[in-house]
N, C-alpha and C. Protein backbone atom coordinates (compact mmCIF):
# COMPACT_ATOMS: atom_id res chain seq x y z
N MET A 1 127.05 98.38 97.07
CA MET A 1 126.08 99.21 97.39
C MET A 1 126.68 100.41 98.28
N THR A 2 126.16 101.59 98.15
CA THR A 2 126.75 102.66 98.91
C THR A 2 126.14 102.67 100.31
N ALA A 3 126.81 103.31 101.29
CA ALA A 3 126.39 103.32 102.59
C ALA A 3 125.11 104.12 102.66
N ARG A 4 124.91 105.12 101.74
CA ARG A 4 123.58 105.80 101.74
C ARG A 4 122.47 104.92 101.36
N LEU A 5 122.69 104.12 100.23
CA LEU A 5 121.72 103.20 99.86
C LEU A 5 121.24 102.13 101.01
N ARG A 6 122.22 101.75 101.70
CA ARG A 6 122.11 100.66 102.72
C ARG A 6 121.18 101.47 103.96
N THR A 7 121.57 102.54 104.25
CA THR A 7 120.97 103.35 105.22
C THR A 7 119.45 103.57 104.78
N VAL A 8 119.09 104.00 103.56
CA VAL A 8 117.83 104.16 103.06
C VAL A 8 117.07 102.81 103.16
N GLY A 9 117.73 101.78 102.72
CA GLY A 9 117.08 100.54 102.65
C GLY A 9 116.71 100.00 104.13
N SER A 10 117.70 100.17 105.00
CA SER A 10 117.40 99.80 106.35
C SER A 10 116.21 100.55 106.94
N TRP A 11 116.13 101.84 106.68
CA TRP A 11 115.08 102.74 107.11
C TRP A 11 113.67 102.30 106.57
N LEU A 12 113.71 101.90 105.27
CA LEU A 12 112.47 101.52 104.62
C LEU A 12 112.01 100.04 105.16
N ALA A 13 113.01 99.29 105.43
CA ALA A 13 112.73 97.96 106.01
C ALA A 13 111.99 98.19 107.44
N ARG A 14 112.69 98.99 108.20
CA ARG A 14 112.05 99.41 109.52
C ARG A 14 110.52 99.82 109.40
N ARG A 15 110.30 100.82 108.48
CA ARG A 15 108.90 101.37 108.20
C ARG A 15 108.08 100.12 107.70
N ALA A 16 108.44 99.25 106.96
CA ALA A 16 107.62 98.19 106.51
C ALA A 16 107.17 97.28 107.75
N GLU A 17 108.16 97.08 108.56
CA GLU A 17 107.90 96.33 109.90
C GLU A 17 106.84 97.11 110.70
N ASN A 18 107.05 98.51 110.74
CA ASN A 18 106.06 99.31 111.50
C ASN A 18 104.64 99.16 111.04
N VAL A 19 104.46 99.21 109.57
CA VAL A 19 103.19 99.06 108.94
C VAL A 19 102.73 97.71 109.27
N ALA A 20 103.42 96.54 109.31
CA ALA A 20 102.94 95.25 109.64
C ALA A 20 102.52 95.31 111.18
N ALA A 21 103.36 95.88 111.93
CA ALA A 21 102.92 95.82 113.34
C ALA A 21 101.70 96.62 113.46
N ALA A 22 101.47 97.77 112.75
CA ALA A 22 100.12 98.49 112.91
C ALA A 22 98.95 97.69 112.44
N MET A 23 99.12 96.97 111.50
CA MET A 23 98.18 96.09 110.98
C MET A 23 97.92 94.99 111.94
N LEU A 24 98.88 94.45 112.49
CA LEU A 24 98.56 93.42 113.65
C LEU A 24 97.77 93.94 114.76
N ALA A 25 98.20 95.22 115.16
CA ALA A 25 97.50 95.92 116.26
C ALA A 25 96.09 96.08 115.94
N ALA A 26 95.84 96.58 114.64
CA ALA A 26 94.48 96.95 114.36
C ALA A 26 93.53 95.61 114.22
N MET A 27 94.27 94.46 113.70
CA MET A 27 93.45 93.28 113.62
C MET A 27 93.15 92.85 115.13
N PHE A 28 94.07 93.00 115.96
CA PHE A 28 93.90 92.53 117.52
C PHE A 28 92.78 93.44 118.08
N LEU A 29 92.72 94.69 117.69
CA LEU A 29 91.67 95.51 118.41
C LEU A 29 90.25 95.21 117.80
N ALA A 30 90.24 94.89 116.53
CA ALA A 30 88.99 94.51 115.93
C ALA A 30 88.50 93.24 116.50
N PHE A 31 89.38 92.26 116.74
CA PHE A 31 89.10 91.04 117.37
C PHE A 31 88.59 91.24 118.87
N LEU A 32 89.25 92.20 119.52
CA LEU A 32 88.76 92.45 120.98
C LEU A 32 87.44 93.11 120.94
N LEU A 33 87.16 93.99 119.85
CA LEU A 33 85.86 94.65 119.86
C LEU A 33 84.84 93.59 119.49
N GLN A 34 85.13 92.70 118.78
CA GLN A 34 84.07 91.50 118.38
C GLN A 34 83.74 90.81 119.58
N ILE A 35 84.82 90.56 120.39
CA ILE A 35 84.38 89.76 121.62
C ILE A 35 83.68 90.56 122.68
N VAL A 36 84.01 91.86 122.86
CA VAL A 36 83.20 92.63 123.84
C VAL A 36 81.76 92.77 123.31
N PHE A 37 81.61 93.12 122.06
CA PHE A 37 80.24 93.30 121.47
C PHE A 37 79.43 92.12 121.55
N ARG A 38 80.02 90.91 121.25
CA ARG A 38 79.31 89.73 121.06
C ARG A 38 79.02 89.19 122.46
N TYR A 39 80.07 89.05 123.40
CA TYR A 39 79.89 88.32 124.63
C TYR A 39 79.69 89.24 125.78
N VAL A 40 79.91 90.35 125.80
CA VAL A 40 79.79 91.40 126.94
C VAL A 40 78.51 92.06 126.85
N LEU A 41 78.41 92.72 125.65
CA LEU A 41 77.09 93.55 125.33
C LEU A 41 75.99 92.87 124.64
N GLY A 42 76.21 91.68 124.18
CA GLY A 42 75.18 90.81 123.50
C GLY A 42 74.75 91.47 122.16
N LEU A 43 75.64 92.16 121.57
CA LEU A 43 75.34 92.85 120.31
C LEU A 43 76.30 92.41 119.24
N PRO A 44 76.11 91.13 118.68
CA PRO A 44 77.10 90.78 117.59
C PRO A 44 77.16 91.73 116.38
N ILE A 45 78.38 92.09 116.03
CA ILE A 45 78.58 92.96 114.86
C ILE A 45 79.51 92.23 113.88
N GLY A 46 79.22 92.39 112.50
CA GLY A 46 79.80 91.69 111.55
C GLY A 46 81.11 92.41 111.01
N TRP A 47 81.12 93.80 110.94
CA TRP A 47 82.31 94.40 110.60
C TRP A 47 83.57 94.16 111.07
N THR A 48 83.66 93.72 112.38
CA THR A 48 84.91 93.37 112.98
C THR A 48 85.52 92.17 112.41
N HIS A 49 84.65 91.19 112.07
CA HIS A 49 85.13 89.95 111.46
C HIS A 49 85.69 90.31 110.16
N GLU A 50 84.98 91.03 109.33
CA GLU A 50 85.33 91.43 107.95
C GLU A 50 86.62 92.19 108.03
N ALA A 51 86.85 93.18 108.97
CA ALA A 51 88.01 93.97 109.10
C ALA A 51 89.15 93.06 109.35
N SER A 52 88.98 92.17 110.32
CA SER A 52 90.15 91.10 110.59
C SER A 52 90.50 90.31 109.50
N ALA A 53 89.61 89.90 108.74
CA ALA A 53 89.99 89.09 107.50
C ALA A 53 90.74 89.92 106.50
N ILE A 54 90.25 91.18 106.26
CA ILE A 54 90.88 92.05 105.33
C ILE A 54 92.30 92.27 105.75
N ILE A 55 92.40 92.59 107.01
CA ILE A 55 93.69 93.13 107.53
C ILE A 55 94.70 91.86 107.58
N TRP A 56 94.23 90.62 107.76
CA TRP A 56 94.92 89.51 107.78
C TRP A 56 95.61 89.26 106.27
N ILE A 57 94.70 89.39 105.28
CA ILE A 57 95.10 89.19 103.96
C ILE A 57 96.31 90.19 103.61
N TRP A 58 95.93 91.47 104.13
CA TRP A 58 96.93 92.53 103.79
C TRP A 58 98.34 92.30 104.52
N LEU A 59 98.18 91.87 105.79
CA LEU A 59 99.41 91.62 106.63
C LEU A 59 100.23 90.45 106.05
N VAL A 60 99.62 89.36 105.66
CA VAL A 60 100.41 88.23 105.12
C VAL A 60 101.07 88.66 103.89
N LEU A 61 100.38 89.32 102.88
CA LEU A 61 101.25 89.64 101.67
C LEU A 61 102.06 90.89 101.73
N TRP A 62 101.69 91.79 102.68
CA TRP A 62 102.72 92.91 102.94
C TRP A 62 103.95 92.33 103.58
N GLY A 63 103.76 91.49 104.46
CA GLY A 63 104.91 90.91 105.16
C GLY A 63 105.74 90.05 104.22
N ALA A 64 105.04 89.17 103.47
CA ALA A 64 105.84 88.46 102.45
C ALA A 64 106.67 89.38 101.39
N ALA A 65 106.00 90.48 101.06
CA ALA A 65 106.65 91.35 100.08
C ALA A 65 107.81 92.27 100.68
N PHE A 66 107.59 92.59 101.95
CA PHE A 66 108.54 93.73 102.38
C PHE A 66 109.25 93.45 103.76
N VAL A 67 108.67 92.45 104.54
CA VAL A 67 109.25 92.22 105.78
C VAL A 67 110.15 91.08 105.88
N VAL A 68 109.69 89.77 105.38
CA VAL A 68 110.42 88.58 105.47
C VAL A 68 111.46 88.57 104.47
N THR A 69 112.67 88.34 105.04
CA THR A 69 113.96 88.25 104.21
C THR A 69 114.14 87.00 103.55
N GLU A 70 115.09 86.95 102.57
CA GLU A 70 115.28 85.63 101.81
C GLU A 70 115.70 84.62 102.65
N ARG A 71 116.40 84.94 103.70
CA ARG A 71 116.90 83.83 104.66
C ARG A 71 115.73 83.25 105.50
N GLU A 72 114.70 84.03 105.67
CA GLU A 72 113.42 83.58 106.54
C GLU A 72 112.48 82.88 105.59
N GLU A 73 112.65 82.86 104.47
CA GLU A 73 111.61 82.10 103.62
C GLU A 73 111.64 80.60 103.80
N ILE A 74 110.59 80.02 103.46
CA ILE A 74 110.40 78.54 103.70
C ILE A 74 111.15 77.77 102.55
N ARG A 75 112.00 76.97 102.87
CA ARG A 75 112.71 76.12 101.73
C ARG A 75 113.01 74.70 102.26
N PHE A 76 113.35 73.83 101.39
CA PHE A 76 113.67 72.46 101.74
C PHE A 76 115.04 72.41 102.40
N ASP A 77 115.06 72.64 103.67
CA ASP A 77 116.35 72.75 104.50
C ASP A 77 117.21 71.44 104.32
N ILE A 78 116.60 70.29 104.40
CA ILE A 78 117.35 69.08 104.29
C ILE A 78 118.25 69.02 103.02
N ILE A 79 117.62 69.44 101.85
CA ILE A 79 118.28 69.32 100.64
C ILE A 79 119.27 70.55 100.59
N TYR A 80 118.75 71.74 100.88
CA TYR A 80 119.40 72.99 100.72
C TYR A 80 120.78 73.04 101.62
N GLY A 81 120.65 72.46 102.84
CA GLY A 81 121.75 72.42 103.78
C GLY A 81 122.76 71.43 103.48
N ALA A 82 122.31 70.40 102.63
CA ALA A 82 123.22 69.19 102.36
C ALA A 82 124.20 69.54 101.22
N VAL A 83 123.94 70.65 100.44
CA VAL A 83 124.76 70.94 99.23
C VAL A 83 125.67 72.09 99.58
N GLY A 84 126.67 72.24 98.60
CA GLY A 84 127.71 73.15 98.75
C GLY A 84 127.16 74.50 98.21
N PRO A 85 128.10 75.58 98.34
CA PRO A 85 127.61 76.90 97.79
C PRO A 85 127.35 76.96 96.43
N GLY A 86 128.11 76.25 95.59
CA GLY A 86 127.84 76.24 94.13
C GLY A 86 126.45 75.77 93.70
N THR A 87 126.09 74.57 94.35
CA THR A 87 124.78 73.92 94.15
C THR A 87 123.75 75.03 94.69
N ARG A 88 123.91 75.52 95.83
CA ARG A 88 122.77 76.43 96.37
C ARG A 88 122.68 77.67 95.41
N ARG A 89 123.77 78.00 94.87
CA ARG A 89 123.77 79.11 93.92
C ARG A 89 122.85 78.76 92.73
N VAL A 90 123.06 77.59 92.08
CA VAL A 90 122.32 77.07 90.98
C VAL A 90 120.96 76.95 91.35
N MET A 91 120.68 76.37 92.54
CA MET A 91 119.25 76.22 92.96
C MET A 91 118.60 77.60 93.21
N CYS A 92 119.38 78.62 93.70
CA CYS A 92 118.76 79.89 93.78
C CYS A 92 118.43 80.51 92.25
N GLY A 93 119.27 80.26 91.42
CA GLY A 93 119.05 80.79 90.05
C GLY A 93 117.85 80.09 89.41
N ILE A 94 117.79 78.82 89.58
CA ILE A 94 116.56 78.11 88.91
C ILE A 94 115.33 78.61 89.71
N THR A 95 115.29 78.78 90.95
CA THR A 95 114.09 79.23 91.68
C THR A 95 113.77 80.68 91.21
N ALA A 96 114.79 81.42 91.00
CA ALA A 96 114.50 82.73 90.66
C ALA A 96 113.93 82.89 89.27
N VAL A 97 114.54 82.05 88.33
CA VAL A 97 114.01 82.08 86.87
C VAL A 97 112.61 81.72 86.86
N ALA A 98 112.30 80.46 87.71
CA ALA A 98 110.92 79.89 87.62
C ALA A 98 109.99 80.94 88.21
N LEU A 99 110.29 81.59 89.42
CA LEU A 99 109.34 82.48 89.97
C LEU A 99 109.11 83.76 89.28
N ILE A 100 110.16 84.27 88.60
CA ILE A 100 110.03 85.48 87.79
C ILE A 100 109.05 85.16 86.65
N ALA A 101 109.33 84.07 85.94
CA ALA A 101 108.51 83.59 84.95
C ALA A 101 106.99 83.34 85.28
N LEU A 102 106.86 82.74 86.37
CA LEU A 102 105.38 82.40 86.90
C LEU A 102 104.72 83.78 87.22
N TYR A 103 105.33 84.62 88.02
CA TYR A 103 104.65 85.88 88.51
C TYR A 103 104.44 86.69 87.23
N SER A 104 105.46 86.81 86.26
CA SER A 104 105.32 87.73 85.04
C SER A 104 104.18 87.14 84.12
N ILE A 105 104.21 85.87 83.87
CA ILE A 105 103.24 85.25 82.94
C ILE A 105 101.72 85.47 83.63
N SER A 106 101.60 85.33 84.82
CA SER A 106 100.21 85.50 85.53
C SER A 106 99.96 86.93 85.69
N PHE A 107 100.84 87.96 85.74
CA PHE A 107 100.64 89.31 86.09
C PHE A 107 99.52 89.94 85.24
N PRO A 108 99.38 89.83 83.94
CA PRO A 108 98.31 90.49 83.19
C PRO A 108 96.98 89.97 83.58
N ALA A 109 96.85 88.62 83.79
CA ALA A 109 95.56 88.09 84.19
C ALA A 109 95.16 88.59 85.80
N VAL A 110 96.24 88.61 86.56
CA VAL A 110 95.91 89.08 87.90
C VAL A 110 95.52 90.68 87.83
N LEU A 111 96.25 91.33 87.12
CA LEU A 111 95.84 92.80 86.90
C LEU A 111 94.45 92.96 86.40
N ASP A 112 94.14 92.22 85.37
CA ASP A 112 92.88 92.24 84.85
C ASP A 112 91.77 91.80 85.79
N TYR A 113 91.95 90.85 86.57
CA TYR A 113 91.02 90.37 87.64
C TYR A 113 90.77 91.48 88.79
N VAL A 114 91.92 92.03 89.17
CA VAL A 114 91.86 93.09 90.23
C VAL A 114 91.06 94.29 89.70
N THR A 115 91.34 94.64 88.57
CA THR A 115 90.66 95.99 88.14
C THR A 115 89.22 95.65 87.79
N PHE A 116 88.91 94.41 87.32
CA PHE A 116 87.50 93.95 87.08
C PHE A 116 86.69 93.88 88.41
N MET A 117 87.33 93.68 89.67
CA MET A 117 86.49 93.51 90.88
C MET A 117 86.27 94.83 91.45
N LYS A 118 86.42 95.97 90.63
CA LYS A 118 85.95 97.25 91.13
C LYS A 118 84.33 97.36 91.31
N VAL A 119 83.75 96.39 90.59
CA VAL A 119 82.31 96.27 90.61
C VAL A 119 81.62 95.73 91.83
N GLU A 120 82.46 95.02 92.75
CA GLU A 120 82.00 94.40 93.81
C GLU A 120 82.58 95.07 95.10
N LYS A 121 81.89 95.10 96.25
CA LYS A 121 82.21 95.56 97.52
C LYS A 121 81.98 94.64 98.55
N THR A 122 82.75 94.86 99.66
CA THR A 122 82.53 93.99 100.75
C THR A 122 81.26 94.24 101.44
N SER A 123 80.72 93.28 102.26
CA SER A 123 79.36 93.31 102.88
C SER A 123 79.14 94.41 103.88
N TYR A 124 80.15 94.47 104.73
CA TYR A 124 79.93 95.52 105.83
C TYR A 124 80.56 96.85 105.74
N LEU A 125 81.85 96.73 105.29
CA LEU A 125 82.64 98.00 105.25
C LEU A 125 82.57 98.70 103.88
N LYS A 126 81.93 97.95 102.97
CA LYS A 126 81.70 98.39 101.60
C LYS A 126 83.01 98.85 100.90
N ILE A 127 84.04 98.11 101.14
CA ILE A 127 85.32 98.45 100.48
C ILE A 127 85.36 97.73 99.02
N ARG A 128 85.72 98.37 98.19
CA ARG A 128 85.76 97.97 96.71
C ARG A 128 86.82 96.76 96.70
N PHE A 129 86.49 95.61 96.09
CA PHE A 129 87.34 94.41 96.04
C PHE A 129 88.64 94.87 95.15
N ASP A 130 88.47 95.72 94.32
CA ASP A 130 89.87 96.02 93.66
C ASP A 130 90.81 96.71 94.59
N TRP A 131 90.30 97.43 95.59
CA TRP A 131 91.17 98.01 96.67
C TRP A 131 91.70 96.92 97.53
N LEU A 132 90.87 96.06 97.86
CA LEU A 132 91.12 95.00 98.78
C LEU A 132 92.17 94.07 98.13
N PHE A 133 91.98 93.64 96.88
CA PHE A 133 93.02 92.73 96.28
C PHE A 133 94.23 93.36 95.65
N SER A 134 94.31 94.72 95.78
CA SER A 134 95.44 95.49 95.17
C SER A 134 96.77 95.12 95.95
N ILE A 135 96.70 94.71 97.02
CA ILE A 135 97.84 94.33 97.72
C ILE A 135 98.62 93.07 97.05
N TYR A 136 97.78 92.28 96.36
CA TYR A 136 98.45 91.19 95.50
C TYR A 136 99.25 91.65 94.45
N ILE A 137 98.87 92.75 93.92
CA ILE A 137 99.70 93.41 92.73
C ILE A 137 101.00 93.83 93.42
N VAL A 138 101.05 94.46 94.39
CA VAL A 138 102.11 94.98 95.26
C VAL A 138 103.07 93.85 95.49
N PHE A 139 102.29 92.72 95.98
CA PHE A 139 103.17 91.48 96.38
C PHE A 139 103.86 90.97 95.26
N ALA A 140 103.27 90.81 94.05
CA ALA A 140 103.70 90.22 92.88
C ALA A 140 104.97 91.03 92.37
N VAL A 141 104.74 92.31 92.23
CA VAL A 141 105.87 93.16 91.78
C VAL A 141 107.13 93.12 92.78
N ALA A 142 106.84 93.20 93.94
CA ALA A 142 107.90 93.01 94.99
C ALA A 142 108.56 91.76 94.94
N SER A 143 107.89 90.54 94.57
CA SER A 143 108.38 89.24 94.44
C SER A 143 109.24 89.20 93.24
N ILE A 144 108.77 89.89 92.15
CA ILE A 144 109.54 89.78 90.76
C ILE A 144 110.85 90.68 91.07
N VAL A 145 110.71 91.79 91.58
CA VAL A 145 111.96 92.53 91.90
C VAL A 145 112.84 91.77 92.75
N ARG A 146 112.39 91.12 93.89
CA ARG A 146 113.30 90.33 94.83
C ARG A 146 113.96 89.27 94.01
N TYR A 147 113.33 88.54 93.18
CA TYR A 147 113.93 87.30 92.59
C TYR A 147 114.87 87.82 91.42
N ILE A 148 114.60 88.89 90.76
CA ILE A 148 115.55 89.38 89.85
C ILE A 148 116.79 89.66 90.59
N TRP A 149 116.79 90.28 91.73
CA TRP A 149 118.00 90.54 92.48
C TRP A 149 118.68 89.37 93.01
N LEU A 150 117.86 88.41 93.44
CA LEU A 150 118.52 87.07 93.92
C LEU A 150 119.08 86.42 92.76
N GLY A 151 118.35 86.32 91.65
CA GLY A 151 118.98 85.69 90.29
C GLY A 151 120.21 86.41 89.93
N TRP A 152 120.21 87.74 90.00
CA TRP A 152 121.41 88.48 89.49
C TRP A 152 122.56 88.17 90.50
N GLN A 153 122.32 88.05 91.85
CA GLN A 153 123.47 87.77 92.82
C GLN A 153 123.95 86.34 92.53
N ALA A 154 122.99 85.36 92.13
CA ALA A 154 123.50 84.10 91.79
C ALA A 154 124.24 84.01 90.58
N LEU A 155 123.92 84.77 89.62
CA LEU A 155 124.81 84.81 88.30
C LEU A 155 126.19 85.48 88.62
N ARG A 156 126.18 86.41 89.56
CA ARG A 156 127.48 86.96 89.96
C ARG A 156 128.33 86.08 90.89
N GLY A 157 127.84 84.91 91.14
CA GLY A 157 128.63 84.02 91.97
C GLY A 157 128.39 84.00 93.45
N VAL A 158 127.39 84.84 93.86
CA VAL A 158 127.23 85.01 95.29
C VAL A 158 126.11 83.93 95.73
N ALA A 159 126.62 83.04 96.51
CA ALA A 159 125.62 81.79 96.92
C ALA A 159 124.82 82.37 98.08
N PRO A 160 123.57 81.85 98.26
CA PRO A 160 122.80 82.27 99.43
C PRO A 160 123.52 81.58 100.66
N ASP A 161 123.15 82.22 101.73
CA ASP A 161 123.64 81.76 103.03
C ASP A 161 123.44 80.23 103.25
N GLU A 162 124.25 79.45 103.82
CA GLU A 162 124.14 78.15 104.30
C GLU A 162 123.08 78.15 105.39
N PHE A 163 122.21 77.16 105.38
CA PHE A 163 121.30 77.08 106.60
C PHE A 163 121.96 76.46 107.63
N ASP A 164 121.85 77.00 108.86
CA ASP A 164 122.52 76.66 110.14
C ASP A 164 121.37 76.22 111.10
N PRO A 165 121.02 74.73 111.11
CA PRO A 165 119.86 74.54 112.07
C PRO A 165 120.09 74.96 113.49
N THR A 166 121.30 75.15 113.94
CA THR A 166 121.43 75.75 115.39
C THR A 166 120.94 77.14 115.51
N LYS A 167 120.77 77.85 114.39
CA LYS A 167 120.14 79.25 114.48
C LYS A 167 118.87 79.34 113.89
N ALA A 168 118.09 78.28 113.74
CA ALA A 168 116.79 78.36 113.14
C ALA A 168 115.88 79.03 114.25
N SER A 169 115.00 79.82 113.69
CA SER A 169 114.24 80.51 114.60
C SER A 169 112.90 80.95 113.80
N SER A 170 112.07 81.74 114.57
CA SER A 170 110.78 82.22 113.87
C SER A 170 111.05 83.57 113.18
N GLY A 171 112.33 84.02 112.99
CA GLY A 171 112.50 85.26 112.35
C GLY A 171 112.73 86.33 113.45
N VAL A 172 112.68 86.11 114.65
CA VAL A 172 112.75 87.17 115.68
C VAL A 172 114.25 87.18 116.18
């Protein structure tokens, strides 16, 4: 990969993290508004709860699609860490094929469902459900692309990194 592509990729990764941070801040502000209106002013409002739930859905799927790296994904570390690079490569290839197949097979039905949901809107904010659920389409496409890349790497002989329990963290 050229240095220019790495620079662009790194810049895009930082912007994806910025978007996730902005969503987390918006969700926190909606949560604080909900507390102030309900417990300080005695005026419960429903849109803040709805906004928090919507932002949470988007935050989780956006983060899984663009922020969380392959190293930070959940896996069976006991098994994964006990095998050598060749076996890890095979495990990565099998996982990639399975996930690409599952996401690809389900994609037409998911797309059909999301486009069908344009007839419904959320209770308070009146956001169409097709807009709300569209993040899943983005997530599915990003996951397919990610696992195509990981599968290709495994076929080329590049084994995923070995798990080091001394460096386990929350991704920070």
